[in-house]
């Protein structure tokens, strides 16, 4: 699989200076953690789940979570487990089917080895598990269960803990909780693919819900948690983990209070006014702004609950030609001693030592999402990626 692999090769050649790389579920963890992109959630109870998975893969989705937790009723957990076993068997029986990276979001540690056992040979299609309401105390049993299940099936399985507990939100317990989370995930570092943020649960602790005109960063109590999570768990010194962006809840806006947040000029230049209107109608201007703020705050990828959110996440994850040029210049071997240089675009100064970690992250993102051609922006990437 590869990002933008669903669009025609000749279109990719026009859009990309460097095309996204191909990868599989067996690729190195460092590559996969950056490649998750828009991780699409789906209830595990959907009766035609295998068909949905194949369809979404064909539309550019590269990672999905099949949810047995908050997205389904408590009474439906058993039926959801049975359905997953059937749907994985269906997928495994389809010749040539190339599903995305698949993860199961469980409720209890005991579900992990039980599901692996029940899946049987189709477990080869499973990349791992999403662990809810993760703290050190609650998370260790999940990680131990994952290790047990991995040994039983002989397949590498990843964990994606969700940081969403009230202890993480409350000021008086936040630092202690983050220190405990770090101890837990550091102990199982080889198995932790990414940390996910459960912003909806954060908001629920205070009876809040952000409007479609607002991003997570406009809700200050949420923004403060994101900042502390990145501060303690997302460092670029080799101790950090990939932290993914929070879910965007909206896919249609009945009424708008504030002006749209998408500038008209990029769409006018590309004769894509209709695309801009469609994005605004479906609350995508707020989503695009939040994705940009995710990246500015050190997050990579995003939890998604609607297929229409996937392409915007991927389009804004593509590295611009200017970013790529800067990153390459900073990391040239002859620059190992540091120094300052003018960018090739002659619009900024690049400081070799302070910008090195940024450059390394940028080149990793370039590997999995590609580098846009010099005259290609996010409007062209959005327009080209929309299914015909």
Protein backbone atom coordinates (compact mmCIF):
# COMPACT_ATOMS: atom_id res chain seq x y z
CA UNK A 1 0.00 0.00 0.00
CA UNK A 2 0.98 3.63 -0.39
CA UNK A 3 -0.58 7.02 0.18
CA UNK A 4 -2.34 8.35 -2.92
CA UNK A 5 -1.96 4.88 -4.42
CA UNK A 6 -5.63 5.03 -5.44
CA UNK A 7 -5.02 7.75 -8.02
CA UNK A 8 -3.65 7.12 -11.50
CA UNK A 9 0.16 6.87 -11.90
CA UNK A 10 0.25 9.68 -14.47
CA UNK A 11 -1.60 11.97 -12.03
CA UNK A 12 0.82 11.09 -9.22
CA UNK A 13 3.72 11.88 -11.54
CA UNK A 14 2.25 15.33 -12.20
CA UNK A 15 1.61 16.03 -8.51
CA UNK A 16 4.75 14.69 -6.87
CA UNK A 17 8.41 15.64 -6.98
CA UNK A 18 8.95 12.48 -4.88
CA UNK A 19 6.11 9.96 -4.76
CA UNK A 20 5.02 8.34 -1.47
CA UNK A 21 6.84 5.08 -0.78
CA UNK A 22 5.18 1.68 -0.74
CA UNK A 23 4.92 -0.13 2.60
CA UNK A 24 3.29 -3.20 4.13
CA UNK A 25 2.10 -4.26 7.57
CA UNK A 26 5.56 -5.82 8.02
CA UNK A 27 7.48 -2.58 7.37
CA UNK A 28 9.63 -1.10 10.16
CA UNK A 29 7.69 0.42 13.04
CA UNK A 30 9.28 3.84 12.56
CA UNK A 31 7.92 3.99 9.02
CA UNK A 32 4.47 2.66 9.94
CA UNK A 33 4.02 5.11 12.82
CA UNK A 34 4.54 8.00 10.41
CA UNK A 35 2.43 6.39 7.69
CA UNK A 36 -0.77 5.87 9.72
CA UNK A 37 -2.24 9.07 8.33
CA UNK A 38 -5.99 9.39 8.78
CA UNK A 39 -6.96 6.38 10.88
CA UNK A 40 -10.60 5.64 10.10
CA UNK A 41 -12.72 4.21 12.92
CA UNK A 42 -15.61 1.84 12.23
CA UNK A 43 -17.95 0.02 14.64
CA UNK A 44 -17.09 -3.68 14.78
CA UNK A 45 -20.79 -4.53 14.44
CA UNK A 46 -21.16 -3.40 10.82
CA UNK A 47 -22.67 -6.37 8.94
CA UNK A 48 -20.69 -5.77 5.71
CA UNK A 49 -17.46 -4.74 7.40
CA UNK A 50 -15.22 -6.68 5.01
CA UNK A 51 -16.78 -4.89 2.05
CA UNK A 52 -16.36 -1.55 3.84
CA UNK A 53 -12.68 -2.25 4.48
CA UNK A 54 -11.99 -3.13 0.84
CA UNK A 55 -13.92 -0.07 -0.35
CA UNK A 56 -12.06 2.32 1.95
CA UNK A 57 -8.69 0.84 0.96
CA UNK A 58 -9.62 1.57 -2.65
CA UNK A 59 -10.33 5.19 -1.69
CA UNK A 60 -6.94 5.78 -0.09
CA UNK A 61 -7.39 4.68 3.53
CA UNK A 62 -4.24 3.01 4.88
CA UNK A 63 -5.21 2.43 8.52
CA UNK A 64 -8.50 1.49 10.20
CA UNK A 65 -9.66 0.77 13.73
CA UNK A 66 -12.51 -1.70 14.21
CA UNK A 67 -14.10 -0.59 17.45
CA UNK A 68 -15.54 -2.76 20.23
CA UNK A 69 -15.51 0.09 22.74
CA UNK A 70 -17.37 3.42 22.84
CA UNK A 71 -18.80 3.24 19.31
CA UNK A 72 -21.05 0.28 20.14
CA UNK A 73 -23.59 -0.45 22.88
CA UNK A 74 -22.43 -2.45 25.89
CA UNK A 75 -24.93 -5.15 25.01
CA UNK A 76 -23.44 -5.56 21.51
CA UNK A 77 -19.87 -6.44 22.46
CA UNK A 78 -20.31 -10.19 22.07
CA UNK A 79 -22.01 -9.76 18.70
CA UNK A 80 -19.24 -7.39 17.64
CA UNK A 81 -16.56 -9.96 18.50
CA UNK A 82 -18.41 -12.68 16.57
CA UNK A 83 -18.78 -10.32 13.62
CA UNK A 84 -15.06 -9.51 13.59
CA UNK A 85 -14.18 -13.20 13.42
CA UNK A 86 -16.54 -13.66 10.45
CA UNK A 87 -15.38 -10.53 8.64
CA UNK A 88 -11.67 -11.33 9.01
CA UNK A 89 -12.36 -14.79 7.59
CA UNK A 90 -14.21 -13.16 4.69
CA UNK A 91 -11.31 -10.79 4.02
CA UNK A 92 -8.73 -13.57 4.19
CA UNK A 93 -10.67 -15.59 1.62
CA UNK A 94 -10.65 -12.82 -0.98
CA UNK A 95 -7.85 -13.38 -3.51
CA UNK A 96 -5.77 -10.28 -4.12
CA UNK A 97 -7.48 -8.19 -1.43
CA UNK A 98 -5.08 -5.65 0.10
CA UNK A 99 -6.69 -4.29 3.26
CA UNK A 100 -5.26 -1.32 5.14
CA UNK A 101 -3.46 -1.68 8.46
CA UNK A 102 -6.18 -3.08 10.72
CA UNK A 103 -6.43 -2.58 14.48
CA UNK A 104 -9.09 -3.67 16.96
CA UNK A 105 -10.11 -1.36 19.78
CA UNK A 106 -10.90 -3.53 22.79
CA UNK A 107 -12.43 -2.89 26.19
CA UNK A 108 -10.54 -5.32 28.41
CA UNK A 109 -7.10 -7.00 28.35
CA UNK A 110 -8.72 -10.43 28.22
CA UNK A 111 -10.23 -9.69 24.82
CA UNK A 112 -6.80 -9.48 23.17
CA UNK A 113 -5.62 -13.13 23.46
CA UNK A 114 -9.19 -14.36 23.10
CA UNK A 115 -9.73 -12.55 19.80
CA UNK A 116 -6.33 -13.59 18.46
CA UNK A 117 -7.19 -17.21 19.21
CA UNK A 118 -10.65 -16.95 17.66
CA UNK A 119 -9.42 -15.21 14.52
CA UNK A 120 -7.19 -18.17 13.66
CA UNK A 121 -5.09 -17.90 10.46
CA UNK A 122 -6.78 -14.63 9.34
CA UNK A 123 -4.94 -12.98 12.25
CA UNK A 124 -2.25 -12.32 9.62
CA UNK A 125 -4.43 -9.37 8.54
CA UNK A 126 -4.33 -7.81 12.02
CA UNK A 127 -1.70 -5.18 12.85
CA UNK A 128 -2.57 -4.70 16.51
CA UNK A 129 -4.90 -3.31 19.15
CA UNK A 130 -6.05 0.09 20.36
CA UNK A 131 -5.99 0.31 24.16
CA UNK A 132 -8.62 2.60 25.74
CA UNK A 133 -8.32 5.01 28.68
CA UNK A 134 -4.63 4.26 29.05
CA UNK A 135 -2.78 4.93 32.28
CA UNK A 136 0.14 3.03 33.81
CA UNK A 137 -2.11 1.04 36.13
CA UNK A 138 -4.76 0.20 33.53
CA UNK A 139 -2.37 -0.03 30.60
CA UNK A 140 0.17 -2.60 31.80
CA UNK A 141 -2.35 -5.50 31.79
CA UNK A 142 -3.26 -4.62 28.18
CA UNK A 143 0.39 -4.60 27.13
CA UNK A 144 1.05 -7.89 28.94
CA UNK A 145 -1.96 -9.43 27.18
CA UNK A 146 -0.66 -8.16 23.85
CA UNK A 147 2.71 -9.82 24.48
CA UNK A 148 0.99 -13.10 25.34
CA UNK A 149 -1.18 -12.94 22.21
CA UNK A 150 1.80 -12.11 20.04
CA UNK A 151 3.68 -15.20 21.21
CA UNK A 152 0.61 -17.38 20.69
CA UNK A 153 0.03 -16.32 17.07
CA UNK A 154 3.68 -15.81 16.07
CA UNK A 155 2.90 -12.43 14.53
CA UNK A 156 4.10 -8.94 15.44
CA UNK A 157 1.23 -7.00 17.02
CA UNK A 158 1.34 -3.30 17.83
CA UNK A 159 -0.37 -1.32 20.56
CA UNK A 160 -1.89 2.13 20.16
CA UNK A 161 -2.79 3.44 23.64
CA UNK A 162 -5.50 6.10 23.80
CA UNK A 163 -4.79 8.94 26.23
CA UNK A 164 -8.24 10.01 27.40
CA UNK A 165 -8.57 9.43 31.15
CA UNK A 166 -9.71 12.15 33.60
CA UNK A 167 -6.47 11.72 35.58
CA UNK A 168 -4.62 13.02 32.53
CA UNK A 169 -6.93 16.01 32.25
CA UNK A 170 -6.96 17.15 35.88
CA UNK A 171 -4.15 19.53 36.72
CA UNK A 172 -3.38 17.98 40.12
CA UNK A 173 -2.76 14.50 38.68
CA UNK A 174 -1.58 15.24 35.13
CA UNK A 175 2.20 15.13 35.57
CA UNK A 176 2.11 12.00 37.72
CA UNK A 177 -0.20 10.31 35.20
CA UNK A 178 2.04 11.26 32.26
CA UNK A 179 5.11 9.97 34.10
CA UNK A 180 3.32 6.66 34.68
CA UNK A 181 2.23 6.44 31.05
CA UNK A 182 5.80 7.03 29.95
CA UNK A 183 7.09 4.24 32.20
CA UNK A 184 4.53 1.83 30.75
CA UNK A 185 5.05 2.62 27.07
CA UNK A 186 8.81 2.90 27.44
CA UNK A 187 8.94 -0.62 28.87
CA UNK A 188 7.07 -1.90 25.79
CA UNK A 189 8.57 0.60 23.35
CA UNK A 190 9.01 -1.92 20.53
CA UNK A 191 5.29 -2.70 20.59
CA UNK A 192 3.88 0.86 20.89
CA UNK A 193 3.25 2.20 17.40
CA UNK A 194 1.65 5.53 18.33
CA UNK A 195 -0.20 7.31 21.12
CA UNK A 196 -3.70 8.55 20.31
CA UNK A 197 -5.49 11.49 21.94
CA UNK A 198 -9.09 11.04 23.13
CA UNK A 199 -10.19 14.66 23.09
CA UNK A 200 -13.91 13.83 23.12
CA UNK A 201 -13.45 12.17 26.52
CA UNK A 202 -11.45 15.17 27.74
CA UNK A 203 -14.32 17.48 26.81
CA UNK A 204 -16.92 15.21 28.40
CA UNK A 205 -15.25 15.57 31.80
CA UNK A 206 -16.30 19.23 31.76
CA UNK A 207 -19.51 18.95 29.76
CA UNK A 208 -17.87 20.61 26.73
CA UNK A 209 -18.15 20.05 23.01
CA UNK A 210 -16.28 22.15 20.47
CA UNK A 211 -18.37 23.70 17.71
CA UNK A 212 -17.53 23.18 14.02
CA UNK A 213 -16.16 26.73 13.95
CA UNK A 214 -13.64 25.81 16.65
CA UNK A 215 -10.60 23.55 16.76
CA UNK A 216 -9.35 21.53 19.71
CA UNK A 217 -6.77 24.25 20.22
CA UNK A 218 -9.49 26.85 20.82
CA UNK A 219 -10.68 24.86 23.86
CA UNK A 220 -7.97 25.92 26.25
CA UNK A 221 -8.28 23.06 28.73
CA UNK A 222 -7.87 20.59 25.87
CA UNK A 223 -5.01 22.56 24.31
CA UNK A 224 -3.15 22.48 27.63
CA UNK A 225 -3.39 18.67 27.77
CA UNK A 226 -2.16 18.30 24.19
CA UNK A 227 0.79 20.55 24.98
CA UNK A 228 1.74 18.51 28.06
CA UNK A 229 1.37 15.18 26.24
CA UNK A 230 3.71 16.35 23.47
CA UNK A 231 6.05 17.88 26.05
CA UNK A 232 6.50 14.63 27.98
CA UNK A 233 5.76 11.91 25.42
CA UNK A 234 6.53 13.40 22.00
CA UNK A 235 10.08 14.65 22.36
CA UNK A 236 12.48 14.50 19.42
CA UNK A 237 15.45 13.34 21.50
CA UNK A 238 14.85 9.63 20.91
CA UNK A 239 12.63 9.14 23.96
CA UNK A 240 9.40 10.29 22.33
CA UNK A 241 6.58 8.55 20.47
CA UNK A 242 4.38 9.47 17.54
CA UNK A 243 1.33 11.27 18.92
CA UNK A 244 -1.70 11.46 16.61
CA UNK A 245 -4.22 14.27 16.29
CA UNK A 246 -7.69 14.27 17.88
CA UNK A 247 -10.89 13.28 16.12
CA UNK A 248 -12.88 15.81 14.09
CA UNK A 249 -16.56 15.19 14.83
CA UNK A 250 -18.34 17.06 12.05
CA UNK A 251 -19.13 16.26 8.45
CA UNK A 252 -21.92 18.73 7.69
CA UNK A 253 -22.71 22.16 9.12
CA UNK A 254 -26.39 23.22 9.24
CA UNK A 255 -25.63 26.83 10.21
CA UNK A 256 -22.44 28.90 10.40
CA UNK A 257 -21.71 31.61 12.95
CA UNK A 258 -18.26 32.72 11.76
CA UNK A 259 -16.79 33.36 8.34
CA UNK A 260 -15.29 30.39 6.48
CA UNK A 261 -11.63 29.86 7.28
CA UNK A 262 -10.50 28.89 3.77
CA UNK A 263 -8.88 31.64 1.69
CA UNK A 264 -10.44 32.03 -1.74
CA UNK A 265 -7.29 32.74 -3.75
CA UNK A 266 -5.78 29.21 -3.89
CA UNK A 267 -9.10 27.87 -5.16
CA UNK A 268 -9.58 30.69 -7.68
CA UNK A 269 -6.11 30.05 -9.10
CA UNK A 270 -6.97 26.40 -9.64
CA UNK A 271 -10.52 27.09 -10.85
CA UNK A 272 -11.74 25.02 -7.92
CA UNK A 273 -14.36 27.34 -6.42
CA UNK A 274 -16.89 24.50 -6.31
CA UNK A 275 -14.46 22.38 -4.29
CA UNK A 276 -14.04 25.22 -1.77
CA UNK A 277 -17.82 25.56 -1.39
CA UNK A 278 -18.15 21.82 -0.85
CA UNK A 279 -15.42 21.82 1.81
CA UNK A 280 -17.07 24.70 3.66
CA UNK A 281 -20.51 23.06 3.46
CA UNK A 282 -19.11 19.93 5.10
CA UNK A 283 -17.14 21.75 7.86
CA UNK A 284 -13.85 20.90 6.19
CA UNK A 285 -12.45 24.39 6.61
CA UNK A 286 -12.38 23.81 10.37
CA UNK A 287 -10.86 20.37 9.85
CA UNK A 288 -8.13 21.75 7.58
CA UNK A 289 -7.26 24.40 10.15
CA UNK A 290 -7.11 21.81 12.93
CA UNK A 291 -4.85 19.52 10.87
CA UNK A 292 -2.47 22.44 10.34
CA UNK A 293 -2.48 23.15 14.07
CA UNK A 294 -1.92 19.46 14.82
CA UNK A 295 1.24 19.53 12.73
CA UNK A 296 2.41 22.83 14.22
CA UNK A 297 2.05 21.30 17.69
CA UNK A 298 4.01 18.13 16.94
CA UNK A 299 1.18 15.70 16.10
CA UNK A 300 1.18 13.41 13.07
CA UNK A 301 -1.88 11.68 11.63
CA UNK A 302 -5.43 11.95 12.94
CA UNK A 303 -8.32 9.89 14.24
CA UNK A 304 -11.24 10.05 11.74
CA UNK A 305 -14.86 8.96 12.03
CA UNK A 306 -15.97 9.78 8.48
CA UNK A 307 -14.39 8.78 5.15
CA UNK A 308 -14.57 12.37 3.88
CA UNK A 309 -11.97 13.39 6.50
CA UNK A 310 -9.28 11.07 5.17
CA UNK A 311 -8.19 12.95 2.07
CA UNK A 312 -7.77 16.34 3.81
CA UNK A 313 -5.49 14.72 6.41
CA UNK A 314 -3.38 13.09 3.72
CA UNK A 315 -3.28 16.14 1.43
CA UNK A 316 -1.99 18.36 4.24
CA UNK A 317 0.54 15.70 5.26
CA UNK A 318 2.33 15.86 1.92
CA UNK A 319 5.63 17.70 2.27
CA UNK A 320 5.89 20.86 0.19
CA UNK A 321 8.79 21.26 -2.19
CA UNK A 322 10.02 24.18 -0.07
CA UNK A 323 10.00 22.14 3.17
CA UNK A 324 11.81 19.30 1.40
CA UNK A 325 14.46 21.65 0.04
CA UNK A 326 15.07 23.15 3.49
CA UNK A 327 15.25 19.74 5.18
CA UNK A 328 17.72 18.40 2.62
CA UNK A 329 19.95 21.44 2.96
CA UNK A 330 19.98 21.21 6.76
CA UNK A 331 20.92 17.51 6.72
CA UNK A 332 23.72 17.67 4.17
CA UNK A 333 26.78 15.83 5.57
CA UNK A 334 28.99 18.87 5.17
CA UNK A 335 26.63 20.78 7.51
CA UNK A 336 27.39 18.46 10.43
CA UNK A 337 29.25 21.19 12.27
CA UNK A 338 26.24 23.50 12.32
CA UNK A 339 25.96 27.04 11.07
CA UNK A 340 23.33 29.18 9.40
CA UNK A 341 22.41 29.23 5.71
CA UNK A 342 19.94 31.01 3.53
CA UNK A 343 17.17 28.76 2.21
CA UNK A 344 17.09 27.84 -1.45
CA UNK A 345 13.79 29.74 -1.65
CA UNK A 346 15.65 32.81 -0.28
CA UNK A 347 12.84 33.59 2.16
CA UNK A 348 14.24 32.31 5.47
CA UNK A 349 17.34 31.32 7.38
CA UNK A 350 17.94 27.66 8.24
CA UNK A 351 19.92 27.02 11.43
CA UNK A 352 21.49 23.60 11.04
CA UNK A 353 21.62 22.42 14.65
CA UNK A 354 18.28 23.79 15.98
CA UNK A 355 16.38 22.69 12.85
CA UNK A 356 17.95 19.25 12.55
CA UNK A 357 15.20 17.32 14.39
CA UNK A 358 12.55 19.11 12.32
CA UNK A 359 14.42 18.22 9.14
CA UNK A 360 14.64 14.54 10.10
CA UNK A 361 10.90 14.40 10.86
CA UNK A 362 10.15 16.19 7.61
CA UNK A 363 12.14 13.72 5.51
CA UNK A 364 10.39 10.80 7.21
CA UNK A 365 7.03 12.38 6.40
CA UNK A 366 8.27 12.97 2.85
CA UNK A 367 9.08 9.29 2.53
CA UNK A 368 5.57 8.13 3.41
CA UNK A 369 3.41 11.00 2.09
CA UNK A 370 5.61 12.21 -0.75
CA UNK A 371 6.90 15.62 -1.79
CA UNK A 372 4.71 17.88 -3.91
CA UNK A 373 6.04 19.37 -7.10
CA UNK A 374 7.13 22.97 -6.82
CA UNK A 375 3.90 24.38 -8.26
CA UNK A 376 1.52 21.97 -6.50
CA UNK A 377 -0.41 22.90 -3.35
CA UNK A 378 -3.02 21.25 -1.15
CA UNK A 379 -5.90 22.29 -3.45
CA UNK A 380 -4.50 20.22 -6.32
CA UNK A 381 -3.86 17.28 -3.97
CA UNK A 382 -7.40 17.47 -2.62
CA UNK A 383 -8.96 17.72 -6.07
CA UNK A 384 -6.90 14.85 -7.49
CA UNK A 385 -7.61 12.50 -4.60
CA UNK A 386 -11.41 12.78 -4.60
CA UNK A 387 -12.86 9.46 -5.82
CA UNK A 388 -14.39 9.74 -9.26
